[in-house]
Structures are given as structure tokens and as C-alpha cells.
Amino acid sequence: MDLFVREAQIDDAEAIVNLLNPIIEAGVYTALTTPFSIEAEQEFISNFPRQGIFLVAVWREQQKIVGCQNVEPFATYSPAFAHVGVIGTFVDLSHRRQGVAKSLFPATFEAARDKGYEKLFSFVRADNAAALATYLSQGFYRIGTARRHAKINGIYIDEIMIERFL
């Protein structure tokens, strides 16, 4: 699959929602539980932190967004955490295991370094082995398990904490 990566734009909101909502509705890949509206995604993109990074992977042949990855500041209440970003990765359900996430990571790492990040951190659902394997293949490593960290539909889910130094 021939992909290119670029910054997300407000006009991408509908395509991003069309990618995210089926992932959320599947209920097994993310701790997000509420589907997004196009308007909410437009607002998210418009108000994205200046220090943040929000990239999309576009399938060149179809001109279709098939993945997105973002980094937001870990905490804004203290400059002590300014070097840490929280990363999230989402791949269209019909394009998993086709190199979409792999195409996003190098661009995100470069942009993160350019913005002064030294470390990226994330939580991955413990029952999402494919996502964990993807992150580990990109140099992330496990730092612990947050037990019963998410509660979705009355069921507790552990989350694996991971990080990568840039």
C-alpha cells in the first residue's frame, strides 16, 4: 500500500471520524467508548495544542485517510513534564496489518523531536496484543501494568504502560 503522511487538517474531520468511530464501536481496541461527531472532531483539530502533533496516513491511490497518530503534552500544569508526550495511534479496521502505523511512527518521532519532546508515553489495552506488538516493534518498552484501569460496560480492563525515549 502506497502511503504518505501529512499533518491533519480541519477538512479531515469527517474522514477521521469515519476511521475512529468503527474502532470505538468494535469495543476491543481502545478505551474510548463514545463515538465522535464531525463537529467535535473539527473542534478537536482546531483546538489541538500548539505543542501537539497530529498526523494522518493517506492511501495515495484512493486519497483516503487510513490511519492517524497524535501526540499531546503529558501535562501542562508543570514545565517539569514538557519533554513528555502522550501518543495515540489509530488504523482503519479494514487496513490493519498493512504498514499504516509503521508509516506514521517515523514522521511522528521526527516531529516530536522538533517540538522538544524527549519521551513518548502511552497506555495500550492489555487485550490488544497487535497494538502492543506494533508499539514494541517501534522501540517502545513496557514499564508496567495499570490494573483494572479502564471500566467498559462494567468490565475492568488492564492497560499496559509503555514509553520510548526519542
C-alpha atoms as a PDB file:
ATOM      1  CA  MET A   1       0.000   0.000   0.000  1.00  0.00           C
ATOM      2  CA  ASP A   2       1.476   3.326  -1.084  1.00  0.00           C
ATOM      3  CA  LEU A   3       1.017   5.804   1.765  1.00  0.00           C
ATOM      4  CA  PHE A   4       2.051   9.332   2.550  1.00  0.00           C
ATOM      5  CA  VAL A   5       1.916  11.085   5.894  1.00  0.00           C
ATOM      6  CA  ARG A   6       0.884  14.684   6.480  1.00  0.00           C
ATOM      7  CA  GLU A   7      -0.494  16.924   9.185  1.00  0.00           C
ATOM      8  CA  ALA A   8      -4.180  16.598   9.952  1.00  0.00           C
ATOM      9  CA  GLN A   9      -6.337  19.451   8.705  1.00  0.00           C
ATOM     10  CA  ILE A  10      -9.785  20.594   9.749  1.00  0.00           C
ATOM     11  CA  ASP A  11     -11.157  19.306   6.435  1.00  0.00           C
ATOM     12  CA  ASP A  12     -10.038  15.807   7.512  1.00  0.00           C
ATOM     13  CA  ALA A  13     -12.547  15.693  10.383  1.00  0.00           C
ATOM     14  CA  GLU A  14     -15.149  13.588   8.586  1.00  0.00           C
ATOM     15  CA  ALA A  15     -12.570  11.064   7.339  1.00  0.00           C
ATOM     16  CA  ILE A  16     -11.025  10.804  10.806  1.00  0.00           C
ATOM     17  CA  VAL A  17     -14.438  10.266  12.416  1.00  0.00           C
ATOM     18  CA  ASN A  18     -15.186   7.585   9.802  1.00  0.00           C
ATOM     19  CA  LEU A  19     -11.926   5.885  10.811  1.00  0.00           C
ATOM     20  CA  LEU A  20     -12.291   6.300  14.601  1.00  0.00           C
ATOM     21  CA  ASN A  21     -15.945   5.501  15.184  1.00  0.00           C
ATOM     22  CA  PRO A  22     -15.844   1.887  13.905  1.00  0.00           C
ATOM     23  CA  ILE A  23     -12.790   1.298  16.138  1.00  0.00           C
ATOM     24  CA  ILE A  24     -14.675   2.714  19.126  1.00  0.00           C
ATOM     25  CA  GLU A  25     -17.826   0.765  18.277  1.00  0.00           C
ATOM     26  CA  ALA A  26     -15.846  -2.501  17.981  1.00  0.00           C
ATOM     27  CA  GLY A  27     -15.142  -2.104  21.706  1.00  0.00           C
ATOM     28  CA  VAL A  28     -11.915  -4.102  21.740  1.00  0.00           C
ATOM     29  CA  TYR A  29      -9.082  -1.851  20.543  1.00  0.00           C
ATOM     30  CA  THR A  30      -9.368   1.343  22.564  1.00  0.00           C
ATOM     31  CA  ALA A  31     -10.588   2.647  25.880  1.00  0.00           C
ATOM     32  CA  LEU A  32     -12.551   5.322  24.009  1.00  0.00           C
ATOM     33  CA  THR A  33     -16.239   4.480  24.334  1.00  0.00           C
ATOM     34  CA  THR A  34     -18.179   7.373  22.813  1.00  0.00           C
ATOM     35  CA  PRO A  35     -18.258   7.902  19.041  1.00  0.00           C
ATOM     36  CA  PHE A  36     -17.296  11.346  17.779  1.00  0.00           C
ATOM     37  CA  SER A  37     -19.330  13.755  15.679  1.00  0.00           C
ATOM     38  CA  ILE A  38     -17.748  15.577  12.769  1.00  0.00           C
ATOM     39  CA  GLU A  39     -18.248  18.849  14.637  1.00  0.00           C
ATOM     40  CA  ALA A  40     -16.486  17.520  17.731  1.00  0.00           C
ATOM     41  CA  GLU A  41     -13.548  16.337  15.618  1.00  0.00           C
ATOM     42  CA  GLN A  42     -13.352  19.714  13.868  1.00  0.00           C
ATOM     43  CA  GLU A  43     -13.210  21.373  17.271  1.00  0.00           C
ATOM     44  CA  PHE A  44     -10.543  18.898  18.430  1.00  0.00           C
ATOM     45  CA  ILE A  45      -8.389  19.670  15.392  1.00  0.00           C
ATOM     46  CA  SER A  46      -8.964  23.433  15.685  1.00  0.00           C
ATOM     47  CA  ASN A  47      -8.033  23.465  19.369  1.00  0.00           C
ATOM     48  CA  PHE A  48      -5.218  20.936  19.154  1.00  0.00           C
ATOM     49  CA  PRO A  49      -2.343  22.005  21.422  1.00  0.00           C
ATOM     50  CA  ARG A  50       0.320  24.124  19.735  1.00  0.00           C
ATOM     51  CA  GLN A  51       2.909  21.721  21.123  1.00  0.00           C
ATOM     52  CA  GLY A  52       0.944  18.756  19.789  1.00  0.00           C
ATOM     53  CA  ILE A  53       1.422  16.635  16.688  1.00  0.00           C
ATOM     54  CA  PHE A  54      -1.480  15.244  14.695  1.00  0.00           C
ATOM     55  CA  LEU A  55      -0.631  13.285  11.558  1.00  0.00           C
ATOM     56  CA  VAL A  56      -2.683  11.226   9.126  1.00  0.00           C
ATOM     57  CA  ALA A  57      -1.632   8.411   6.803  1.00  0.00           C
ATOM     58  CA  VAL A  58      -3.231   8.716   3.376  1.00  0.00           C
ATOM     59  CA  TRP A  59      -3.581   5.823   0.936  1.00  0.00           C
ATOM     60  CA  ARG A  60      -2.243   7.532  -2.166  1.00  0.00           C
ATOM     61  CA  GLU A  61      -4.264   5.502  -4.704  1.00  0.00           C
ATOM     62  CA  GLN A  62      -7.613   6.209  -3.041  1.00  0.00           C
ATOM     63  CA  GLN A  63      -6.713   9.556  -1.410  1.00  0.00           C
ATOM     64  CA  LYS A  64      -8.247   8.041   1.725  1.00  0.00           C
ATOM     65  CA  ILE A  65      -7.116   8.564   5.316  1.00  0.00           C
ATOM     66  CA  VAL A  66      -6.405   5.084   6.678  1.00  0.00           C
ATOM     67  CA  GLY A  67      -4.634   5.981   9.922  1.00  0.00           C
ATOM     68  CA  CYS A  68      -3.858   8.769  12.322  1.00  0.00           C
ATOM     69  CA  GLN A  69      -1.431   9.353  15.135  1.00  0.00           C
ATOM     70  CA  ASN A  70      -1.205  12.166  17.601  1.00  0.00           C
ATOM     71  CA  VAL A  71       0.990  13.369  20.409  1.00  0.00           C
ATOM     72  CA  GLU A  72      -0.253  15.686  23.110  1.00  0.00           C
ATOM     73  CA  PRO A  73       1.630  17.127  26.063  1.00  0.00           C
ATOM     74  CA  PHE A  74       1.642  14.732  29.021  1.00  0.00           C
ATOM     75  CA  ALA A  75       0.815  17.515  31.476  1.00  0.00           C
ATOM     76  CA  THR A  76       0.558  21.267  31.136  1.00  0.00           C
ATOM     77  CA  TYR A  77       0.334  22.110  34.830  1.00  0.00           C
ATOM     78  CA  SER A  78       4.126  21.967  35.300  1.00  0.00           C
ATOM     79  CA  PRO A  79       7.052  22.568  32.965  1.00  0.00           C
ATOM     80  CA  ALA A  80       8.713  19.548  34.592  1.00  0.00           C
ATOM     81  CA  PHE A  81       6.782  17.361  32.125  1.00  0.00           C
ATOM     82  CA  ALA A  82       7.245  19.472  28.971  1.00  0.00           C
ATOM     83  CA  HIS A  83       9.570  16.866  27.455  1.00  0.00           C
ATOM     84  CA  VAL A  84       6.956  14.067  27.655  1.00  0.00           C
ATOM     85  CA  GLY A  85       4.232  13.472  25.081  1.00  0.00           C
ATOM     86  CA  VAL A  86       1.313  11.049  25.096  1.00  0.00           C
ATOM     87  CA  ILE A  87       0.952   9.187  21.811  1.00  0.00           C
ATOM     88  CA  GLY A  88      -2.127   7.559  20.310  1.00  0.00           C
ATOM     89  CA  THR A  89      -2.373   5.531  17.107  1.00  0.00           C
ATOM     90  CA  PHE A  90      -5.473   4.508  15.160  1.00  0.00           C
ATOM     91  CA  VAL A  91      -5.668   2.447  11.971  1.00  0.00           C
ATOM     92  CA  ASP A  92      -8.766   1.903   9.855  1.00  0.00           C
ATOM     93  CA  LEU A  93     -10.129  -1.545  10.700  1.00  0.00           C
ATOM     94  CA  SER A  94     -10.020  -2.643   7.060  1.00  0.00           C
ATOM     95  CA  HIS A  95      -6.363  -1.628   6.709  1.00  0.00           C
ATOM     96  CA  ARG A  96      -4.812  -3.193   9.807  1.00  0.00           C
ATOM     97  CA  ARG A  97      -1.558  -5.134   9.377  1.00  0.00           C
ATOM     98  CA  GLN A  98      -0.738  -3.300   6.123  1.00  0.00           C
ATOM     99  CA  GLY A  99       2.004  -0.969   7.372  1.00  0.00           C
ATOM    100  CA  VAL A 100      -0.178   2.039   8.161  1.00  0.00           C
ATOM    101  CA  ALA A 101       1.061   2.533  11.737  1.00  0.00           C
ATOM    102  CA  LYS A 102       4.601   1.744  10.639  1.00  0.00           C
ATOM    103  CA  SER A 103       4.387   4.637   8.163  1.00  0.00           C
ATOM    104  CA  LEU A 104       3.232   7.084  10.847  1.00  0.00           C
ATOM    105  CA  PHE A 105       5.854   6.445  13.530  1.00  0.00           C
ATOM    106  CA  PRO A 106       8.962   7.893  11.784  1.00  0.00           C
ATOM    107  CA  ALA A 107       7.191  11.151  10.928  1.00  0.00           C
ATOM    108  CA  THR A 108       5.752  11.425  14.433  1.00  0.00           C
ATOM    109  CA  PHE A 109       9.135  10.731  16.048  1.00  0.00           C
ATOM    110  CA  GLU A 110      10.787  13.418  13.900  1.00  0.00           C
ATOM    111  CA  ALA A 111       8.061  15.973  14.604  1.00  0.00           C
ATOM    112  CA  ALA A 112       8.194  15.143  18.321  1.00  0.00           C
ATOM    113  CA  ARG A 113      11.950  15.730  18.461  1.00  0.00           C
ATOM    114  CA  ASP A 114      11.493  19.006  16.564  1.00  0.00           C
ATOM    115  CA  LYS A 115       8.966  20.146  19.177  1.00  0.00           C
ATOM    116  CA  GLY A 116      11.287  19.334  22.057  1.00  0.00           C
ATOM    117  CA  TYR A 117       9.840  16.027  23.182  1.00  0.00           C
ATOM    118  CA  GLU A 118      12.346  13.581  24.601  1.00  0.00           C
ATOM    119  CA  LYS A 119       9.984  10.775  25.545  1.00  0.00           C
ATOM    120  CA  LEU A 120       6.654   9.398  24.365  1.00  0.00           C
ATOM    121  CA  PHE A 121       4.285   7.569  26.695  1.00  0.00           C
ATOM    122  CA  SER A 122       1.059   5.654  26.181  1.00  0.00           C
ATOM    123  CA  PHE A 123      -1.395   3.147  27.557  1.00  0.00           C
ATOM    124  CA  VAL A 124      -2.343   0.115  25.451  1.00  0.00           C
ATOM    125  CA  ARG A 125      -5.219  -2.168  26.358  1.00  0.00           C
ATOM    126  CA  ALA A 126      -3.738  -5.383  27.720  1.00  0.00           C
ATOM    127  CA  ASP A 127      -6.092  -7.360  25.475  1.00  0.00           C
ATOM    128  CA  ASN A 128      -4.872  -5.581  22.316  1.00  0.00           C
ATOM    129  CA  ALA A 129      -1.835  -7.727  21.535  1.00  0.00           C
ATOM    130  CA  ALA A 130      -1.495  -6.406  17.979  1.00  0.00           C
ATOM    131  CA  ALA A 131      -1.256  -2.787  19.113  1.00  0.00           C
ATOM    132  CA  LEU A 132       1.230  -3.657  21.831  1.00  0.00           C
ATOM    133  CA  ALA A 133       3.369  -5.595  19.339  1.00  0.00           C
ATOM    134  CA  THR A 134       3.297  -2.624  16.948  1.00  0.00           C
ATOM    135  CA  TYR A 135       4.489  -0.202  19.619  1.00  0.00           C
ATOM    136  CA  LEU A 136       7.174  -2.606  20.861  1.00  0.00           C
ATOM    137  CA  SER A 137       8.445  -3.008  17.279  1.00  0.00           C
ATOM    138  CA  GLN A 138       8.917   0.772  17.183  1.00  0.00           C
ATOM    139  CA  GLY A 139      11.211   0.862  20.207  1.00  0.00           C
ATOM    140  CA  PHE A 140       8.656   1.286  22.976  1.00  0.00           C
ATOM    141  CA  TYR A 141       9.012  -0.881  26.028  1.00  0.00           C
ATOM    142  CA  ARG A 142       6.727  -1.906  28.859  1.00  0.00           C
ATOM    143  CA  ILE A 143       7.065  -0.006  32.098  1.00  0.00           C
ATOM    144  CA  GLY A 144       4.158  -1.541  33.972  1.00  0.00           C
ATOM    145  CA  THR A 145       0.544  -2.548  34.076  1.00  0.00           C
ATOM    146  CA  ALA A 146      -2.273  -0.371  35.320  1.00  0.00           C
ATOM    147  CA  ARG A 147      -4.612  -2.989  36.736  1.00  0.00           C
ATOM    148  CA  ARG A 148      -8.352  -2.516  36.279  1.00  0.00           C
ATOM    149  CA  HIS A 149      -7.528   0.851  34.722  1.00  0.00           C
ATOM    150  CA  ALA A 150     -10.448   1.088  32.323  1.00  0.00           C
ATOM    151  CA  LYS A 151     -14.011   0.021  33.035  1.00  0.00           C
ATOM    152  CA  ILE A 152     -16.041  -0.508  29.905  1.00  0.00           C
ATOM    153  CA  ASN A 153     -19.585  -1.848  30.029  1.00  0.00           C
ATOM    154  CA  GLY A 154     -18.980  -2.964  33.606  1.00  0.00           C
ATOM    155  CA  ILE A 155     -15.825  -4.918  32.742  1.00  0.00           C
ATOM    156  CA  TYR A 156     -12.412  -3.906  34.053  1.00  0.00           C
ATOM    157  CA  ILE A 157      -9.550  -3.827  31.575  1.00  0.00           C
ATOM    158  CA  ASP A 158      -5.855  -3.662  32.406  1.00  0.00           C
ATOM    159  CA  GLU A 159      -3.709  -1.271  30.427  1.00  0.00           C
ATOM    160  CA  ILE A 160      -0.043  -1.713  29.645  1.00  0.00           C
ATOM    161  CA  MET A 161       2.026   1.416  30.179  1.00  0.00           C
ATOM    162  CA  ILE A 162       4.721   1.919  27.557  1.00  0.00           C
ATOM    163  CA  GLU A 163       7.321   4.537  26.777  1.00  0.00           C
ATOM    164  CA  ARG A 164      10.034   5.322  24.272  1.00  0.00           C
ATOM    165  CA  PHE A 165      12.873   7.771  24.535  1.00  0.00           C
ATOM    166  CA  LEU A 166      13.475   9.761  21.387  1.00  0.00           C
END
